[in-house]
Amino acid sequence: MSGSTSTIYRRLRTLIAETLGVDEDDVVPEASFEDDLNVDHQELVDMMVAIEEEFDVRIPDDQVPALHTVGDAVDYLEDKLA
């Protein structure tokens, strides 16, 4: 991870842990939101809104299904914030 990626990852990791009520140690790049973090549809929507607010980005609804893992979200944010 580059310097900016690790900063994004650290912020996102904390945000996801707080939003979902999971242990920050479980929020790793390869963690699947659905399979590993047990996120249901409403939690996913809430988390995406929190990410948009935290990082001041817009995540179009058609992009959400592509964000399967924490790493996918980091990559998405890195592209948008670069």
PDB file of N, CA and C in Angstrom:
ATOM      1  N   MET A   1       0.840  -1.185   0.000  1.00  0.00           N
ATOM      2  CA  MET A   1       0.000   0.000   0.000  1.00  0.00           C
ATOM      3  C   MET A   1       0.880   1.241   0.000  1.00  0.00           C
ATOM      4  N   SER A   2       0.450   2.210  -0.757  1.00  0.00           N
ATOM      5  CA  SER A   2       1.187   3.468  -0.765  1.00  0.00           C
ATOM      6  C   SER A   2       0.823   4.263   0.482  1.00  0.00           C
ATOM      7  N   GLY A   3       1.504   5.372   0.690  1.00  0.00           N
ATOM      8  CA  GLY A   3       1.226   6.203   1.859  1.00  0.00           C
ATOM      9  C   GLY A   3      -0.209   6.670   1.906  1.00  0.00           C
ATOM     10  N   SER A   4      -0.729   7.130   0.754  1.00  0.00           N
ATOM     11  CA  SER A   4      -2.110   7.615   0.739  1.00  0.00           C
ATOM     12  C   SER A   4      -3.087   6.468   0.939  1.00  0.00           C
ATOM     13  N   THR A   5      -2.751   5.298   0.388  1.00  0.00           N
ATOM     14  CA  THR A   5      -3.635   4.146   0.553  1.00  0.00           C
ATOM     15  C   THR A   5      -3.707   3.740   2.010  1.00  0.00           C
ATOM     16  N   SER A   6      -2.566   3.714   2.685  1.00  0.00           N
ATOM     17  CA  SER A   6      -2.598   3.287   4.074  1.00  0.00           C
ATOM     18  C   SER A   6      -3.362   4.293   4.934  1.00  0.00           C
ATOM     19  N   THR A   7      -3.291   5.580   4.589  1.00  0.00           N
ATOM     20  CA  THR A   7      -4.077   6.580   5.307  1.00  0.00           C
ATOM     21  C   THR A   7      -5.560   6.350   5.060  1.00  0.00           C
ATOM     22  N   ILE A   8      -5.939   6.136   3.811  1.00  0.00           N
ATOM     23  CA  ILE A   8      -7.333   5.848   3.468  1.00  0.00           C
ATOM     24  C   ILE A   8      -7.774   4.566   4.177  1.00  0.00           C
ATOM     25  N   TYR A   9      -6.940   3.555   4.116  1.00  0.00           N
ATOM     26  CA  TYR A   9      -7.283   2.271   4.747  1.00  0.00           C
ATOM     27  C   TYR A   9      -7.498   2.431   6.249  1.00  0.00           C
ATOM     28  N   ARG A  10      -6.615   3.153   6.918  1.00  0.00           N
ATOM     29  CA  ARG A  10      -6.759   3.332   8.375  1.00  0.00           C
ATOM     30  C   ARG A  10      -8.050   4.065   8.707  1.00  0.00           C
ATOM     31  N   ARG A  11      -8.344   5.132   7.973  1.00  0.00           N
ATOM     32  CA  ARG A  11      -9.594   5.881   8.213  1.00  0.00           C
ATOM     33  C   ARG A  11     -10.807   5.006   7.928  1.00  0.00           C
ATOM     34  N   LEU A  12     -10.761   4.272   6.816  1.00  0.00           N
ATOM     35  CA  LEU A  12     -11.880   3.425   6.429  1.00  0.00           C
ATOM     36  C   LEU A  12     -12.071   2.284   7.426  1.00  0.00           C
ATOM     37  N   ARG A  13     -10.972   1.717   7.858  1.00  0.00           N
ATOM     38  CA  ARG A  13     -11.033   0.602   8.815  1.00  0.00           C
ATOM     39  C   ARG A  13     -11.733   1.034  10.102  1.00  0.00           C
ATOM     40  N   THR A  14     -11.361   2.182  10.622  1.00  0.00           N
ATOM     41  CA  THR A  14     -11.983   2.705  11.841  1.00  0.00           C
ATOM     42  C   THR A  14     -13.457   2.995  11.597  1.00  0.00           C
ATOM     43  N   LEU A  15     -13.763   3.626  10.467  1.00  0.00           N
ATOM     44  CA  LEU A  15     -15.146   3.962  10.131  1.00  0.00           C
ATOM     45  C   LEU A  15     -16.009   2.702  10.018  1.00  0.00           C
ATOM     46  N   ILE A  16     -15.508   1.692   9.324  1.00  0.00           N
ATOM     47  CA  ILE A  16     -16.268   0.447   9.155  1.00  0.00           C
ATOM     48  C   ILE A  16     -16.495  -0.219  10.503  1.00  0.00           C
ATOM     49  N   ALA A  17     -15.456  -0.291  11.318  1.00  0.00           N
ATOM     50  CA  ALA A  17     -15.589  -0.921  12.635  1.00  0.00           C
ATOM     51  C   ALA A  17     -16.643  -0.205  13.476  1.00  0.00           C
ATOM     52  N   GLU A  18     -16.610   1.127  13.463  1.00  0.00           N
ATOM     53  CA  GLU A  18     -17.569   1.903  14.253  1.00  0.00           C
ATOM     54  C   GLU A  18     -18.984   1.782  13.680  1.00  0.00           C
ATOM     55  N   THR A  19     -19.109   1.844  12.356  1.00  0.00           N
ATOM     56  CA  THR A  19     -20.422   1.799  11.721  1.00  0.00           C
ATOM     57  C   THR A  19     -21.091   0.436  11.891  1.00  0.00           C
ATOM     58  N   LEU A  20     -20.297  -0.617  11.759  1.00  0.00           N
ATOM     59  CA  LEU A  20     -20.865  -1.967  11.797  1.00  0.00           C
ATOM     60  C   LEU A  20     -20.804  -2.598  13.187  1.00  0.00           C
ATOM     61  N   GLY A  21     -20.064  -1.979  14.100  1.00  0.00           N
ATOM     62  CA  GLY A  21     -19.929  -2.551  15.428  1.00  0.00           C
ATOM     63  C   GLY A  21     -19.112  -3.829  15.433  1.00  0.00           C
ATOM     64  N   VAL A  22     -18.094  -3.880  14.562  1.00  0.00           N
ATOM     65  CA  VAL A  22     -17.209  -5.045  14.517  1.00  0.00           C
ATOM     66  C   VAL A  22     -15.833  -4.659  15.049  1.00  0.00           C
ATOM     67  N   ASP A  23     -15.049  -5.657  15.369  1.00  0.00           N
ATOM     68  CA  ASP A  23     -13.697  -5.439  15.865  1.00  0.00           C
ATOM     69  C   ASP A  23     -12.828  -4.920  14.723  1.00  0.00           C
ATOM     70  N   GLU A  24     -12.079  -3.869  14.985  1.00  0.00           N
ATOM     71  CA  GLU A  24     -11.220  -3.281  13.944  1.00  0.00           C
ATOM     72  C   GLU A  24     -10.230  -4.304  13.395  1.00  0.00           C
ATOM     73  N   ASP A  25      -9.821  -5.275  14.208  1.00  0.00           N
ATOM     74  CA  ASP A  25      -8.892  -6.313  13.751  1.00  0.00           C
ATOM     75  C   ASP A  25      -9.504  -7.196  12.664  1.00  0.00           C
ATOM     76  N   ASP A  26     -10.841  -7.237  12.596  1.00  0.00           N
ATOM     77  CA  ASP A  26     -11.517  -8.038  11.572  1.00  0.00           C
ATOM     78  C   ASP A  26     -11.635  -7.299  10.244  1.00  0.00           C
ATOM     79  N   VAL A  27     -11.390  -5.993  10.259  1.00  0.00           N
ATOM     80  CA  VAL A  27     -11.531  -5.169   9.050  1.00  0.00           C
ATOM     81  C   VAL A  27     -10.186  -5.143   8.331  1.00  0.00           C
ATOM     82  N   VAL A  28      -9.962  -6.193   7.533  1.00  0.00           N
ATOM     83  CA  VAL A  28      -8.729  -6.336   6.759  1.00  0.00           C
ATOM     84  C   VAL A  28      -9.074  -6.218   5.283  1.00  0.00           C
ATOM     85  N   PRO A  29      -8.094  -5.887   4.427  1.00  0.00           N
ATOM     86  CA  PRO A  29      -8.398  -5.661   3.008  1.00  0.00           C
ATOM     87  C   PRO A  29      -9.161  -6.804   2.342  1.00  0.00           C
ATOM     88  N   GLU A  30      -8.845  -8.047   2.708  1.00  0.00           N
ATOM     89  CA  GLU A  30      -9.493  -9.179   2.040  1.00  0.00           C
ATOM     90  C   GLU A  30     -10.835  -9.560   2.661  1.00  0.00           C
ATOM     91  N   ALA A  31     -11.252  -8.867   3.715  1.00  0.00           N
ATOM     92  CA  ALA A  31     -12.532  -9.178   4.369  1.00  0.00           C
ATOM     93  C   ALA A  31     -13.710  -8.811   3.472  1.00  0.00           C
ATOM     94  N   SER A  32     -14.580  -9.790   3.250  1.00  0.00           N
ATOM     95  CA  SER A  32     -15.802  -9.569   2.492  1.00  0.00           C
ATOM     96  C   SER A  32     -16.833  -8.939   3.422  1.00  0.00           C
ATOM     97  N   PHE A  33     -17.479  -7.885   2.941  1.00  0.00           N
ATOM     98  CA  PHE A  33     -18.501  -7.241   3.771  1.00  0.00           C
ATOM     99  C   PHE A  33     -19.595  -8.240   4.146  1.00  0.00           C
ATOM    100  N   GLU A  34     -20.055  -9.005   3.163  1.00  0.00           N
ATOM    101  CA  GLU A  34     -21.170  -9.914   3.384  1.00  0.00           C
ATOM    102  C   GLU A  34     -20.738 -11.178   4.132  1.00  0.00           C
ATOM    103  N   ASP A  35     -19.674 -11.830   3.666  1.00  0.00           N
ATOM    104  CA  ASP A  35     -19.289 -13.128   4.225  1.00  0.00           C
ATOM    105  C   ASP A  35     -18.506 -13.035   5.533  1.00  0.00           C
ATOM    106  N   ASP A  36     -17.564 -12.097   5.604  1.00  0.00           N
ATOM    107  CA  ASP A  36     -16.700 -12.022   6.781  1.00  0.00           C
ATOM    108  C   ASP A  36     -17.215 -11.063   7.854  1.00  0.00           C
ATOM    109  N   LEU A  37     -17.834  -9.971   7.419  1.00  0.00           N
ATOM    110  CA  LEU A  37     -18.298  -8.961   8.376  1.00  0.00           C
ATOM    111  C   LEU A  37     -19.810  -9.038   8.607  1.00  0.00           C
ATOM    112  N   ASN A  38     -20.463  -9.990   7.935  1.00  0.00           N
ATOM    113  CA  ASN A  38     -21.905 -10.250   8.113  1.00  0.00           C
ATOM    114  C   ASN A  38     -22.773  -9.013   7.932  1.00  0.00           C
ATOM    115  N   VAL A  39     -22.490  -8.259   6.876  1.00  0.00           N
ATOM    116  CA  VAL A  39     -23.232  -7.030   6.599  1.00  0.00           C
ATOM    117  C   VAL A  39     -24.502  -7.377   5.818  1.00  0.00           C
ATOM    118  N   ASP A  40     -25.651  -6.906   6.316  1.00  0.00           N
ATOM    119  CA  ASP A  40     -26.876  -7.077   5.545  1.00  0.00           C
ATOM    120  C   ASP A  40     -27.071  -5.849   4.654  1.00  0.00           C
ATOM    121  N   HIS A  41     -28.116  -5.880   3.846  1.00  0.00           N
ATOM    122  CA  HIS A  41     -28.302  -4.797   2.862  1.00  0.00           C
ATOM    123  C   HIS A  41     -28.407  -3.426   3.531  1.00  0.00           C
ATOM    124  N   GLN A  42     -29.187  -3.311   4.582  1.00  0.00           N
ATOM    125  CA  GLN A  42     -29.365  -2.010   5.233  1.00  0.00           C
ATOM    126  C   GLN A  42     -28.059  -1.512   5.849  1.00  0.00           C
ATOM    127  N   GLU A  43     -27.304  -2.428   6.459  1.00  0.00           N
ATOM    128  CA  GLU A  43     -26.006  -2.035   7.028  1.00  0.00           C
ATOM    129  C   GLU A  43     -25.057  -1.570   5.930  1.00  0.00           C
ATOM    130  N   LEU A  44     -25.117  -2.230   4.779  1.00  0.00           N
ATOM    131  CA  LEU A  44     -24.263  -1.833   3.656  1.00  0.00           C
ATOM    132  C   LEU A  44     -24.621  -0.423   3.192  1.00  0.00           C
ATOM    133  N   VAL A  45     -25.908  -0.141   3.085  1.00  0.00           N
ATOM    134  CA  VAL A  45     -26.356   1.205   2.695  1.00  0.00           C
ATOM    135  C   VAL A  45     -25.874   2.234   3.717  1.00  0.00           C
ATOM    136  N   ASP A  46     -26.066   1.939   5.000  1.00  0.00           N
ATOM    137  CA  ASP A  46     -25.627   2.857   6.056  1.00  0.00           C
ATOM    138  C   ASP A  46     -24.118   3.093   5.992  1.00  0.00           C
ATOM    139  N   MET A  47     -23.375   2.016   5.746  1.00  0.00           N
ATOM    140  CA  MET A  47     -21.922   2.121   5.686  1.00  0.00           C
ATOM    141  C   MET A  47     -21.486   2.964   4.487  1.00  0.00           C
ATOM    142  N   MET A  48     -22.132   2.783   3.339  1.00  0.00           N
ATOM    143  CA  MET A  48     -21.787   3.567   2.150  1.00  0.00           C
ATOM    144  C   MET A  48     -22.065   5.051   2.387  1.00  0.00           C
ATOM    145  N   VAL A  49     -23.169   5.364   3.052  1.00  0.00           N
ATOM    146  CA  VAL A  49     -23.474   6.758   3.382  1.00  0.00           C
ATOM    147  C   VAL A  49     -22.390   7.318   4.308  1.00  0.00           C
ATOM    148  N   ALA A  50     -21.993   6.537   5.295  1.00  0.00           N
ATOM    149  CA  ALA A  50     -20.941   6.979   6.224  1.00  0.00           C
ATOM    150  C   ALA A  50     -19.620   7.209   5.484  1.00  0.00           C
ATOM    151  N   ILE A  51     -19.295   6.323   4.536  1.00  0.00           N
ATOM    152  CA  ILE A  51     -18.066   6.474   3.742  1.00  0.00           C
ATOM    153  C   ILE A  51     -18.152   7.749   2.895  1.00  0.00           C
ATOM    154  N   GLU A  52     -19.304   7.974   2.271  1.00  0.00           N
ATOM    155  CA  GLU A  52     -19.468   9.186   1.453  1.00  0.00           C
ATOM    156  C   GLU A  52     -19.264  10.444   2.296  1.00  0.00           C
ATOM    157  N   GLU A  53     -19.820  10.444   3.491  1.00  0.00           N
ATOM    158  CA  GLU A  53     -19.683  11.611   4.364  1.00  0.00           C
ATOM    159  C   GLU A  53     -18.254  11.783   4.868  1.00  0.00           C
ATOM    160  N   GLU A  54     -17.628  10.692   5.281  1.00  0.00           N
ATOM    161  CA  GLU A  54     -16.264  10.743   5.828  1.00  0.00           C
ATOM    162  C   GLU A  54     -15.250  11.212   4.779  1.00  0.00           C
ATOM    163  N   PHE A  55     -15.388  10.704   3.552  1.00  0.00           N
ATOM    164  CA  PHE A  55     -14.389  10.974   2.517  1.00  0.00           C
ATOM    165  C   PHE A  55     -14.849  12.023   1.502  1.00  0.00           C
ATOM    166  N   ASP A  56     -16.063  12.565   1.680  1.00  0.00           N
ATOM    167  CA  ASP A  56     -16.611  13.578   0.784  1.00  0.00           C
ATOM    168  C   ASP A  56     -16.566  13.110  -0.668  1.00  0.00           C
ATOM    169  N   VAL A  57     -17.095  11.896  -0.900  1.00  0.00           N
ATOM    170  CA  VAL A  57     -17.188  11.328  -2.241  1.00  0.00           C
ATOM    171  C   VAL A  57     -18.625  10.870  -2.461  1.00  0.00           C
ATOM    172  N   ARG A  58     -18.946  10.610  -3.709  1.00  0.00           N
ATOM    173  CA  ARG A  58     -20.254  10.049  -4.052  1.00  0.00           C
ATOM    174  C   ARG A  58     -20.010   8.651  -4.585  1.00  0.00           C
ATOM    175  N   ILE A  59     -20.728   7.667  -4.039  1.00  0.00           N
ATOM    176  CA  ILE A  59     -20.642   6.292  -4.531  1.00  0.00           C
ATOM    177  C   ILE A  59     -21.967   5.997  -5.237  1.00  0.00           C
ATOM    178  N   PRO A  60     -21.952   5.994  -6.577  1.00  0.00           N
ATOM    179  CA  PRO A  60     -23.192   5.723  -7.306  1.00  0.00           C
ATOM    180  C   PRO A  60     -23.748   4.337  -6.948  1.00  0.00           C
ATOM    181  N   ASP A  61     -25.076   4.234  -6.915  1.00  0.00           N
ATOM    182  CA  ASP A  61     -25.717   2.968  -6.544  1.00  0.00           C
ATOM    183  C   ASP A  61     -25.232   1.802  -7.397  1.00  0.00           C
ATOM    184  N   ASP A  62     -24.940   2.045  -8.664  1.00  0.00           N
ATOM    185  CA  ASP A  62     -24.503   0.947  -9.528  1.00  0.00           C
ATOM    186  C   ASP A  62     -23.066   0.510  -9.247  1.00  0.00           C
ATOM    187  N   GLN A  63     -22.328   1.272  -8.444  1.00  0.00           N
ATOM    188  CA  GLN A  63     -20.962   0.894  -8.064  1.00  0.00           C
ATOM    189  C   GLN A  63     -20.917   0.061  -6.787  1.00  0.00           C
ATOM    190  N   VAL A  64     -21.947   0.176  -5.964  1.00  0.00           N
ATOM    191  CA  VAL A  64     -21.959  -0.505  -4.660  1.00  0.00           C
ATOM    192  C   VAL A  64     -21.786  -2.021  -4.791  1.00  0.00           C
ATOM    193  N   PRO A  65     -22.474  -2.696  -5.736  1.00  0.00           N
ATOM    194  CA  PRO A  65     -22.305  -4.153  -5.826  1.00  0.00           C
ATOM    195  C   PRO A  65     -20.866  -4.585  -6.125  1.00  0.00           C
ATOM    196  N   ALA A  66     -20.069  -3.731  -6.720  1.00  0.00           N
ATOM    197  CA  ALA A  66     -18.673  -4.071  -7.038  1.00  0.00           C
ATOM    198  C   ALA A  66     -17.764  -3.992  -5.817  1.00  0.00           C
ATOM    199  N   LEU A  67     -18.263  -3.401  -4.742  1.00  0.00           N
ATOM    200  CA  LEU A  67     -17.451  -3.240  -3.538  1.00  0.00           C
ATOM    201  C   LEU A  67     -17.720  -4.418  -2.592  1.00  0.00           C
ATOM    202  N   HIS A  68     -17.091  -5.548  -2.904  1.00  0.00           N
ATOM    203  CA  HIS A  68     -17.306  -6.775  -2.127  1.00  0.00           C
ATOM    204  C   HIS A  68     -16.468  -6.830  -0.857  1.00  0.00           C
ATOM    205  N   THR A  69     -15.273  -6.263  -0.931  1.00  0.00           N
ATOM    206  CA  THR A  69     -14.335  -6.378   0.186  1.00  0.00           C
ATOM    207  C   THR A  69     -13.877  -5.003   0.661  1.00  0.00           C
ATOM    208  N   VAL A  70     -13.246  -4.993   1.811  1.00  0.00           N
ATOM    209  CA  VAL A  70     -12.663  -3.747   2.328  1.00  0.00           C
ATOM    210  C   VAL A  70     -11.636  -3.219   1.326  1.00  0.00           C
ATOM    211  N   GLY A  71     -10.848  -4.115   0.752  1.00  0.00           N
ATOM    212  CA  GLY A  71      -9.853  -3.712  -0.244  1.00  0.00           C
ATOM    213  C   GLY A  71     -10.481  -3.063  -1.464  1.00  0.00           C
ATOM    214  N   ASP A  72     -11.651  -3.581  -1.901  1.00  0.00           N
ATOM    215  CA  ASP A  72     -12.358  -2.967  -3.028  1.00  0.00           C
ATOM    216  C   ASP A  72     -12.733  -1.524  -2.697  1.00  0.00           C
ATOM    217  N   ALA A  73     -13.200  -1.308  -1.470  1.00  0.00           N
ATOM    218  CA  ALA A  73     -13.586   0.038  -1.043  1.00  0.00           C
ATOM    219  C   ALA A  73     -12.364   0.956  -0.986  1.00  0.00           C
ATOM    220  N   VAL A  74     -11.241   0.432  -0.493  1.00  0.00           N
ATOM    221  CA  VAL A  74     -10.005   1.227  -0.446  1.00  0.00           C
ATOM    222  C   VAL A  74      -9.587   1.610  -1.866  1.00  0.00           C
ATOM    223  N   ASP A  75      -9.607   0.637  -2.789  1.00  0.00           N
ATOM    224  CA  ASP A  75      -9.230   0.909  -4.183  1.00  0.00           C
ATOM    225  C   ASP A  75     -10.155   1.967  -4.794  1.00  0.00           C
ATOM    226  N   TYR A  76     -11.451   1.843  -4.542  1.00  0.00           N
ATOM    227  CA  TYR A  76     -12.418   2.798  -5.065  1.00  0.00           C
ATOM    228  C   TYR A  76     -12.106   4.204  -4.558  1.00  0.00           C
ATOM    229  N   LEU A  77     -11.894   4.310  -3.244  1.00  0.00           N
ATOM    230  CA  LEU A  77     -11.605   5.617  -2.656  1.00  0.00           C
ATOM    231  C   LEU A  77     -10.286   6.181  -3.158  1.00  0.00           C
ATOM    232  N   GLU A  78      -9.295   5.315  -3.300  1.00  0.00           N
ATOM    233  CA  GLU A  78      -7.998   5.783  -3.801  1.00  0.00           C
ATOM    234  C   GLU A  78      -8.147   6.376  -5.199  1.00  0.00           C
ATOM    235  N   ASP A  79      -8.952   5.720  -6.058  1.00  0.00           N
ATOM    236  CA  ASP A  79      -9.186   6.234  -7.414  1.00  0.00           C
ATOM    237  C   ASP A  79      -9.911   7.573  -7.359  1.00  0.00           C
ATOM    238  N   LYS A  80     -10.914   7.686  -6.515  1.00  0.00           N
ATOM    239  CA  LYS A  80     -11.726   8.907  -6.441  1.00  0.00           C
ATOM    240  C   LYS A  80     -10.972  10.072  -5.801  1.00  0.00           C
ATOM    241  N   LEU A  81     -10.071   9.777  -4.893  1.00  0.00           N
ATOM    242  CA  LEU A  81      -9.391  10.833  -4.144  1.00  0.00           C
ATOM    243  C   LEU A  81      -8.020  11.174  -4.714  1.00  0.00           C
ATOM    244  N   ALA A  82      -7.596  10.447  -5.744  1.00  0.00           N
ATOM    245  CA  ALA A  82      -6.271  10.676  -6.321  1.00  0.00           C
ATOM    246  C   ALA A  82      -6.219  11.982  -7.089  1.00  0.00           C
TER     247      ALA A  82
END
